[in-house]
Structure formats: C-alpha cells, structure tokens
Amino acid sequence: MNADDTITCPRCRQGLVIPVKVKRTGEVIYLCEECEAVWFSPDTIDYATFNYFNLYMERLGLPDSWAELERIQR
C-alpha cells in the first residue's frame, strides 16, 4: 500500500482501508472506516486475515475509540 493506493475493505466491501497510528504506541495499523476491521500490514489485507478493532485495543489496554488514533495523511 503506497500513498496512492485505495483499498476497499475485503470484509465488508463498503468502507476504505486507511492507515492510522495508535497515538499511545505509535503503531501503524490499517483500519476499515466502515466495519472497523484491522490489519497490521498492507501486504496481508484479506478477508481471512482481519482482526477486530475493539479486541485489538482491548489487548493494548486502551479504549476502542477513534480518539485513540491519528489518521496518516496520504
């Protein structure tokens, strides 16, 4: 995924997958704007490999809120 790539979410087929940074950890993740499916690498974005945003944030001990994220401008 480079700056010009637009990826439609393979899970919901409605939203776009966008790169975001978790503010408290600095980790970059790839998040669907519609269904909140998460991937950890642009190379693995596929229906079979998504994670749930709320469970991921829970594992980090953080609230599952978009306020915890910073959108990475392309």
PDB file of N, CA and C in Angstrom:
ATOM      1  N   MET A   1       0.858  -1.175   0.000  1.00  0.00           N
ATOM      2  CA  MET A   1       0.000   0.000   0.000  1.00  0.00           C
ATOM      3  C   MET A   1       0.896   1.228   0.000  1.00  0.00           C
ATOM      4  N   ASN A   2       0.793   2.029  -1.034  1.00  0.00           N
ATOM      5  CA  ASN A   2       1.550   3.274  -1.045  1.00  0.00           C
ATOM      6  C   ASN A   2       0.587   4.449  -0.958  1.00  0.00           C
ATOM      7  N   ALA A   3       1.112   5.629  -1.054  1.00  0.00           N
ATOM      8  CA  ALA A   3       0.317   6.834  -0.834  1.00  0.00           C
ATOM      9  C   ALA A   3      -0.864   6.968  -1.787  1.00  0.00           C
ATOM     10  N   ASP A   4      -0.791   6.357  -2.952  1.00  0.00           N
ATOM     11  CA  ASP A   4      -1.861   6.488  -3.931  1.00  0.00           C
ATOM     12  C   ASP A   4      -2.856   5.336  -3.912  1.00  0.00           C
ATOM     13  N   ASP A   5      -2.601   4.322  -3.101  1.00  0.00           N
ATOM     14  CA  ASP A   5      -3.470   3.150  -3.070  1.00  0.00           C
ATOM     15  C   ASP A   5      -4.761   3.433  -2.308  1.00  0.00           C
ATOM     16  N   THR A   6      -5.850   2.957  -2.862  1.00  0.00           N
ATOM     17  CA  THR A   6      -7.132   2.956  -2.183  1.00  0.00           C
ATOM     18  C   THR A   6      -7.600   1.511  -2.174  1.00  0.00           C
ATOM     19  N   ILE A   7      -7.836   0.992  -0.982  1.00  0.00           N
ATOM     20  CA  ILE A   7      -8.232  -0.402  -0.867  1.00  0.00           C
ATOM     21  C   ILE A   7      -9.631  -0.472  -0.271  1.00  0.00           C
ATOM     22  N   THR A   8     -10.543  -1.118  -0.986  1.00  0.00           N
ATOM     23  CA  THR A   8     -11.867  -1.385  -0.446  1.00  0.00           C
ATOM     24  C   THR A   8     -11.750  -2.552   0.515  1.00  0.00           C
ATOM     25  N   CYS A   9     -12.410  -2.441   1.639  1.00  0.00           N
ATOM     26  CA  CYS A   9     -12.331  -3.470   2.676  1.00  0.00           C
ATOM     27  C   CYS A   9     -12.812  -4.816   2.146  1.00  0.00           C
ATOM     28  N   PRO A  10     -11.982  -5.856   2.264  1.00  0.00           N
ATOM     29  CA  PRO A  10     -12.396  -7.175   1.809  1.00  0.00           C
ATOM     30  C   PRO A  10     -13.402  -7.839   2.749  1.00  0.00           C
ATOM     31  N   ARG A  11     -13.575  -7.292   3.947  1.00  0.00           N
ATOM     32  CA  ARG A  11     -14.532  -7.868   4.892  1.00  0.00           C
ATOM     33  C   ARG A  11     -15.948  -7.373   4.604  1.00  0.00           C
ATOM     34  N   CYS A  12     -16.149  -6.048   4.595  1.00  0.00           N
ATOM     35  CA  CYS A  12     -17.500  -5.509   4.422  1.00  0.00           C
ATOM     36  C   CYS A  12     -17.793  -5.077   2.987  1.00  0.00           C
ATOM     37  N   ARG A  13     -16.735  -4.862   2.212  1.00  0.00           N
ATOM     38  CA  ARG A  13     -16.846  -4.430   0.817  1.00  0.00           C
ATOM     39  C   ARG A  13     -17.558  -3.088   0.660  1.00  0.00           C
ATOM     40  N   GLN A  14     -17.516  -2.286   1.735  1.00  0.00           N
ATOM     41  CA  GLN A  14     -18.162  -0.973   1.692  1.00  0.00           C
ATOM     42  C   GLN A  14     -17.201   0.151   2.037  1.00  0.00           C
ATOM     43  N   GLY A  15     -16.400  -0.047   3.080  1.00  0.00           N
ATOM     44  CA  GLY A  15     -15.502   1.003   3.537  1.00  0.00           C
ATOM     45  C   GLY A  15     -14.142   0.932   2.877  1.00  0.00           C
ATOM     46  N   LEU A  16     -13.364   1.981   3.109  1.00  0.00           N
ATOM     47  CA  LEU A  16     -11.982   2.006   2.644  1.00  0.00           C
ATOM     48  C   LEU A  16     -11.061   1.659   3.801  1.00  0.00           C
ATOM     49  N   VAL A  17      -9.985   0.977   3.497  1.00  0.00           N
ATOM     50  CA  VAL A  17      -8.967   0.652   4.492  1.00  0.00           C
ATOM     51  C   VAL A  17      -7.968   1.803   4.496  1.00  0.00           C
ATOM     52  N   ILE A  18      -7.790   2.400   5.675  1.00  0.00           N
ATOM     53  CA  ILE A  18      -6.914   3.564   5.795  1.00  0.00           C
ATOM     54  C   ILE A  18      -5.797   3.286   6.802  1.00  0.00           C
ATOM     55  N   PRO A  19      -4.622   3.869   6.578  1.00  0.00           N
ATOM     56  CA  PRO A  19      -3.557   3.729   7.566  1.00  0.00           C
ATOM     57  C   PRO A  19      -3.784   4.723   8.709  1.00  0.00           C
ATOM     58  N   VAL A  20      -3.671   4.225   9.931  1.00  0.00           N
ATOM     59  CA  VAL A  20      -3.797   5.069  11.119  1.00  0.00           C
ATOM     60  C   VAL A  20      -2.702   4.697  12.106  1.00  0.00           C
ATOM     61  N   LYS A  21      -2.394   5.645  12.981  1.00  0.00           N
ATOM     62  CA  LYS A  21      -1.395   5.391  14.016  1.00  0.00           C
ATOM     63  C   LYS A  21      -2.090   5.395  15.365  1.00  0.00           C
ATOM     64  N   VAL A  22      -1.786   4.386  16.186  1.00  0.00           N
ATOM     65  CA  VAL A  22      -2.286   4.363  17.554  1.00  0.00           C
ATOM     66  C   VAL A  22      -1.434   5.373  18.324  1.00  0.00           C
ATOM     67  N   LYS A  23      -2.053   6.422  18.820  1.00  0.00           N
ATOM     68  CA  LYS A  23      -1.316   7.542  19.419  1.00  0.00           C
ATOM     69  C   LYS A  23      -0.392   7.104  20.551  1.00  0.00           C
ATOM     70  N   ARG A  24      -0.868   6.249  21.443  1.00  0.00           N
ATOM     71  CA  ARG A  24      -0.081   5.908  22.635  1.00  0.00           C
ATOM     72  C   ARG A  24       1.055   4.932  22.374  1.00  0.00           C
ATOM     73  N   THR A  25       0.954   4.167  21.280  1.00  0.00           N
ATOM     74  CA  THR A  25       2.010   3.185  20.999  1.00  0.00           C
ATOM     75  C   THR A  25       2.847   3.547  19.784  1.00  0.00           C
ATOM     76  N   GLY A  26       2.301   4.383  18.903  1.00  0.00           N
ATOM     77  CA  GLY A  26       2.993   4.730  17.671  1.00  0.00           C
ATOM     78  C   GLY A  26       2.863   3.676  16.585  1.00  0.00           C
ATOM     79  N   GLU A  27       2.152   2.586  16.872  1.00  0.00           N
ATOM     80  CA  GLU A  27       1.996   1.510  15.891  1.00  0.00           C
ATOM     81  C   GLU A  27       1.068   1.942  14.759  1.00  0.00           C
ATOM     82  N   VAL A  28       1.448   1.616  13.538  1.00  0.00           N
ATOM     83  CA  VAL A  28       0.610   1.878  12.372  1.00  0.00           C
ATOM     84  C   VAL A  28      -0.204   0.622  12.091  1.00  0.00           C
ATOM     85  N   ILE A  29      -1.517   0.816  11.959  1.00  0.00           N
ATOM     86  CA  ILE A  29      -2.418  -0.274  11.606  1.00  0.00           C
ATOM     87  C   ILE A  29      -3.246   0.180  10.410  1.00  0.00           C
ATOM     88  N   TYR A  30      -3.954  -0.747   9.809  1.00  0.00           N
ATOM     89  CA  TYR A  30      -4.771  -0.470   8.637  1.00  0.00           C
ATOM     90  C   TYR A  30      -6.203  -0.805   9.012  1.00  0.00           C
ATOM     91  N   LEU A  31      -7.070   0.203   8.998  1.00  0.00           N
ATOM     92  CA  LEU A  31      -8.403   0.124   9.585  1.00  0.00           C
ATOM     93  C   LEU A  31      -9.471   0.450   8.556  1.00  0.00           C
ATOM     94  N   CYS A  32     -10.513  -0.367   8.511  1.00  0.00           N
ATOM     95  CA  CYS A  32     -11.656  -0.071   7.647  1.00  0.00           C
ATOM     96  C   CYS A  32     -12.495   1.019   8.306  1.00  0.00           C
ATOM     97  N   GLU A  33     -12.790   2.060   7.547  1.00  0.00           N
ATOM     98  CA  GLU A  33     -13.591   3.173   8.059  1.00  0.00           C
ATOM     99  C   GLU A  33     -15.032   2.761   8.359  1.00  0.00           C
ATOM    100  N   GLU A  34     -15.501   1.705   7.753  1.00  0.00           N
ATOM    101  CA  GLU A  34     -16.894   1.290   7.893  1.00  0.00           C
ATOM    102  C   GLU A  34     -17.094   0.236   8.985  1.00  0.00           C
ATOM    103  N   CYS A  35     -16.397  -0.888   8.883  1.00  0.00           N
ATOM    104  CA  CYS A  35     -16.657  -2.019   9.793  1.00  0.00           C
ATOM    105  C   CYS A  35     -15.607  -2.183  10.887  1.00  0.00           C
ATOM    106  N   GLU A  36     -14.572  -1.362  10.864  1.00  0.00           N
ATOM    107  CA  GLU A  36     -13.501  -1.367  11.862  1.00  0.00           C
ATOM    108  C   GLU A  36     -12.695  -2.666  11.895  1.00  0.00           C
ATOM    109  N   ALA A  37     -12.587  -3.315  10.747  1.00  0.00           N
ATOM    110  CA  ALA A  37     -11.658  -4.442  10.630  1.00  0.00           C
ATOM    111  C   ALA A  37     -10.247  -3.870  10.624  1.00  0.00           C
ATOM    112  N   VAL A  38      -9.305  -4.613  11.200  1.00  0.00           N
ATOM    113  CA  VAL A  38      -7.923  -4.146  11.338  1.00  0.00           C
ATOM    114  C   VAL A  38      -6.963  -5.147  10.724  1.00  0.00           C
ATOM    115  N   TRP A  39      -5.912  -4.611  10.098  1.00  0.00           N
ATOM    116  CA  TRP A  39      -4.778  -5.407   9.623  1.00  0.00           C
ATOM    117  C   TRP A  39      -3.515  -4.726  10.111  1.00  0.00           C
ATOM    118  N   PHE A  40      -2.454  -5.497  10.228  1.00  0.00           N
ATOM    119  CA  PHE A  40      -1.200  -4.963  10.751  1.00  0.00           C
ATOM    120  C   PHE A  40      -0.161  -4.715   9.670  1.00  0.00           C
ATOM    121  N   SER A  41      -0.449  -5.138   8.462  1.00  0.00           N
ATOM    122  CA  SER A  41       0.442  -4.920   7.331  1.00  0.00           C
ATOM    123  C   SER A  41      -0.411  -4.760   6.076  1.00  0.00           C
ATOM    124  N   PRO A  42      -0.043  -3.846   5.199  1.00  0.00           N
ATOM    125  CA  PRO A  42      -0.812  -3.703   3.968  1.00  0.00           C
ATOM    126  C   PRO A  42      -0.708  -4.937   3.078  1.00  0.00           C
ATOM    127  N   ASP A  43       0.327  -5.717   3.279  1.00  0.00           N
ATOM    128  CA  ASP A  43       0.523  -6.922   2.467  1.00  0.00           C
ATOM    129  C   ASP A  43      -0.403  -8.060   2.860  1.00  0.00           C
ATOM    130  N   THR A  44      -1.056  -7.949   4.018  1.00  0.00           N
ATOM    131  CA  THR A  44      -1.907  -9.047   4.491  1.00  0.00           C
ATOM    132  C   THR A  44      -3.387  -8.694   4.474  1.00  0.00           C
ATOM    133  N   ILE A  45      -3.756  -7.594   3.825  1.00  0.00           N
ATOM    134  CA  ILE A  45      -5.161  -7.192   3.813  1.00  0.00           C
ATOM    135  C   ILE A  45      -5.955  -8.170   2.959  1.00  0.00           C
ATOM    136  N   ASP A  46      -6.762  -8.974   3.655  1.00  0.00           N
ATOM    137  CA  ASP A  46      -7.553 -10.024   3.028  1.00  0.00           C
ATOM    138  C   ASP A  46      -8.686 -10.371   3.993  1.00  0.00           C
ATOM    139  N   TYR A  47      -9.770 -10.921   3.479  1.00  0.00           N
ATOM    140  CA  TYR A  47     -10.893 -11.291   4.351  1.00  0.00           C
ATOM    141  C   TYR A  47     -10.458 -12.259   5.450  1.00  0.00           C
ATOM    142  N   ALA A  48      -9.614 -13.192   5.122  1.00  0.00           N
ATOM    143  CA  ALA A  48      -9.228 -14.246   6.071  1.00  0.00           C
ATOM    144  C   ALA A  48      -8.279 -13.768   7.166  1.00  0.00           C
ATOM    145  N   THR A  49      -7.751 -12.551   7.049  1.00  0.00           N
ATOM    146  CA  THR A  49      -6.708 -12.130   7.991  1.00  0.00           C
ATOM    147  C   THR A  49      -7.078 -10.918   8.842  1.00  0.00           C
ATOM    148  N   PHE A  50      -8.333 -10.492   8.830  1.00  0.00           N
ATOM    149  CA  PHE A  50      -8.678  -9.295   9.598  1.00  0.00           C
ATOM    150  C   PHE A  50      -8.751  -9.591  11.094  1.00  0.00           C
ATOM    151  N   ASN A  51      -8.589  -8.532  11.874  1.00  0.00           N
ATOM    152  CA  ASN A  51      -8.758  -8.571  13.322  1.00  0.00           C
ATOM    153  C   ASN A  51      -9.850  -7.566  13.682  1.00  0.00           C
ATOM    154  N   TYR A  52     -10.429  -7.726  14.859  1.00  0.00           N
ATOM    155  CA  TYR A  52     -11.445  -6.791  15.332  1.00  0.00           C
ATOM    156  C   TYR A  52     -10.783  -5.632  16.062  1.00  0.00           C
ATOM    157  N   PHE A  53     -11.134  -4.396  15.675  1.00  0.00           N
ATOM    158  CA  PHE A  53     -10.566  -3.203  16.290  1.00  0.00           C
ATOM    159  C   PHE A  53     -10.768  -3.194  17.803  1.00  0.00           C
ATOM    160  N   ASN A  54     -11.983  -3.501  18.255  1.00  0.00           N
ATOM    161  CA  ASN A  54     -12.250  -3.438  19.693  1.00  0.00           C
ATOM    162  C   ASN A  54     -11.408  -4.446  20.465  1.00  0.00           C
ATOM    163  N   LEU A  55     -11.212  -5.636  19.932  1.00  0.00           N
ATOM    164  CA  LEU A  55     -10.399  -6.642  20.622  1.00  0.00           C
ATOM    165  C   LEU A  55      -8.920  -6.269  20.604  1.00  0.00           C
ATOM    166  N   TYR A  56      -8.462  -5.713  19.509  1.00  0.00           N
ATOM    167  CA  TYR A  56      -7.070  -5.270  19.414  1.00  0.00           C
ATOM    168  C   TYR A  56      -6.784  -4.193  20.459  1.00  0.00           C
ATOM    169  N   MET A  57      -7.658  -3.195  20.542  1.00  0.00           N
ATOM    170  CA  MET A  57      -7.456  -2.115  21.505  1.00  0.00           C
ATOM    171  C   MET A  57      -7.563  -2.639  22.937  1.00  0.00           C
ATOM    172  N   GLU A  58      -8.461  -3.570  23.161  1.00  0.00           N
ATOM    173  CA  GLU A  58      -8.593  -4.182  24.491  1.00  0.00           C
ATOM    174  C   GLU A  58      -7.292  -4.872  24.898  1.00  0.00           C
ATOM    175  N   ARG A  59      -6.671  -5.584  23.959  1.00  0.00           N
ATOM    176  CA  ARG A  59      -5.392  -6.250  24.250  1.00  0.00           C
ATOM    177  C   ARG A  59      -4.308  -5.240  24.616  1.00  0.00           C
ATOM    178  N   LEU A  60      -4.402  -4.036  24.056  1.00  0.00           N
ATOM    179  CA  LEU A  60      -3.441  -2.980  24.379  1.00  0.00           C
ATOM    180  C   LEU A  60      -3.782  -2.267  25.687  1.00  0.00           C
ATOM    181  N   GLY A  61      -4.969  -2.553  26.227  1.00  0.00           N
ATOM    182  CA  GLY A  61      -5.408  -1.870  27.436  1.00  0.00           C
ATOM    183  C   GLY A  61      -5.901  -0.458  27.166  1.00  0.00           C
ATOM    184  N   LEU A  62      -6.356  -0.221  25.929  1.00  0.00           N
ATOM    185  CA  LEU A  62      -6.813   1.106  25.517  1.00  0.00           C
ATOM    186  C   LEU A  62      -8.294   1.065  25.159  1.00  0.00           C
ATOM    187  N   PRO A  63      -8.987   2.208  25.268  1.00  0.00           N
ATOM    188  CA  PRO A  63     -10.382   2.255  24.841  1.00  0.00           C
ATOM    189  C   PRO A  63     -10.485   2.050  23.328  1.00  0.00           C
ATOM    190  N   ASP A  64     -11.568   1.419  22.888  1.00  0.00           N
ATOM    191  CA  ASP A  64     -11.748   1.202  21.443  1.00  0.00           C
ATOM    192  C   ASP A  64     -12.435   2.422  20.826  1.00  0.00           C
ATOM    193  N   SER A  65     -11.702   3.513  20.836  1.00  0.00           N
ATOM    194  CA  SER A  65     -12.210   4.795  20.361  1.00  0.00           C
ATOM    195  C   SER A  65     -11.305   5.333  19.257  1.00  0.00           C
ATOM    196  N   TRP A  66     -11.930   5.952  18.260  1.00  0.00           N
ATOM    197  CA  TRP A  66     -11.150   6.570  17.191  1.00  0.00           C
ATOM    198  C   TRP A  66     -10.340   7.747  17.719  1.00  0.00           C
ATOM    199  N   ALA A  67     -10.691   8.257  18.893  1.00  0.00           N
ATOM    200  CA  ALA A  67      -9.916   9.344  19.502  1.00  0.00           C
ATOM    201  C   ALA A  67      -8.506   8.877  19.865  1.00  0.00           C
ATOM    202  N   GLU A  68      -8.312   7.572  19.958  1.00  0.00           N
ATOM    203  CA  GLU A  68      -7.000   6.997  20.267  1.00  0.00           C
ATOM    204  C   GLU A  68      -6.121   6.879  19.022  1.00  0.00           C
ATOM    205  N   LEU A  69      -6.679   7.250  17.859  1.00  0.00           N
ATOM    206  CA  LEU A  69      -5.985   7.070  16.584  1.00  0.00           C
ATOM    207  C   LEU A  69      -5.675   8.408  15.929  1.00  0.00           C
ATOM    208  N   GLU A  70      -4.664   8.382  15.096  1.00  0.00           N
ATOM    209  CA  GLU A  70      -4.317   9.542  14.272  1.00  0.00           C
ATOM    210  C   GLU A  70      -4.257   9.064  12.829  1.00  0.00           C
ATOM    211  N   ARG A  71      -5.066   9.670  11.990  1.00  0.00           N
ATOM    212  CA  ARG A  71      -5.059   9.275  10.577  1.00  0.00           C
ATOM    213  C   ARG A  71      -3.753   9.712   9.931  1.00  0.00           C
ATOM    214  N   ILE A  72      -3.168   8.822   9.182  1.00  0.00           N
ATOM    215  CA  ILE A  72      -1.934   9.124   8.458  1.00  0.00           C
ATOM    216  C   ILE A  72      -2.330   9.685   7.102  1.00  0.00           C
ATOM    217  N   GLN A  73      -1.936  10.916   6.863  1.00  0.00           N
ATOM    218  CA  GLN A  73      -2.285  11.569   5.599  1.00  0.00           C
ATOM    219  C   GLN A  73      -1.485  10.961   4.461  1.00  0.00           C
ATOM    220  N   ARG A  74      -2.165  10.729   3.370  1.00  0.00           N
ATOM    221  CA  ARG A  74      -1.506  10.156   2.202  1.00  0.00           C
ATOM    222  C   ARG A  74      -1.068  11.232   1.257  1.00  0.00           C
TER     223      ARG A  74
END
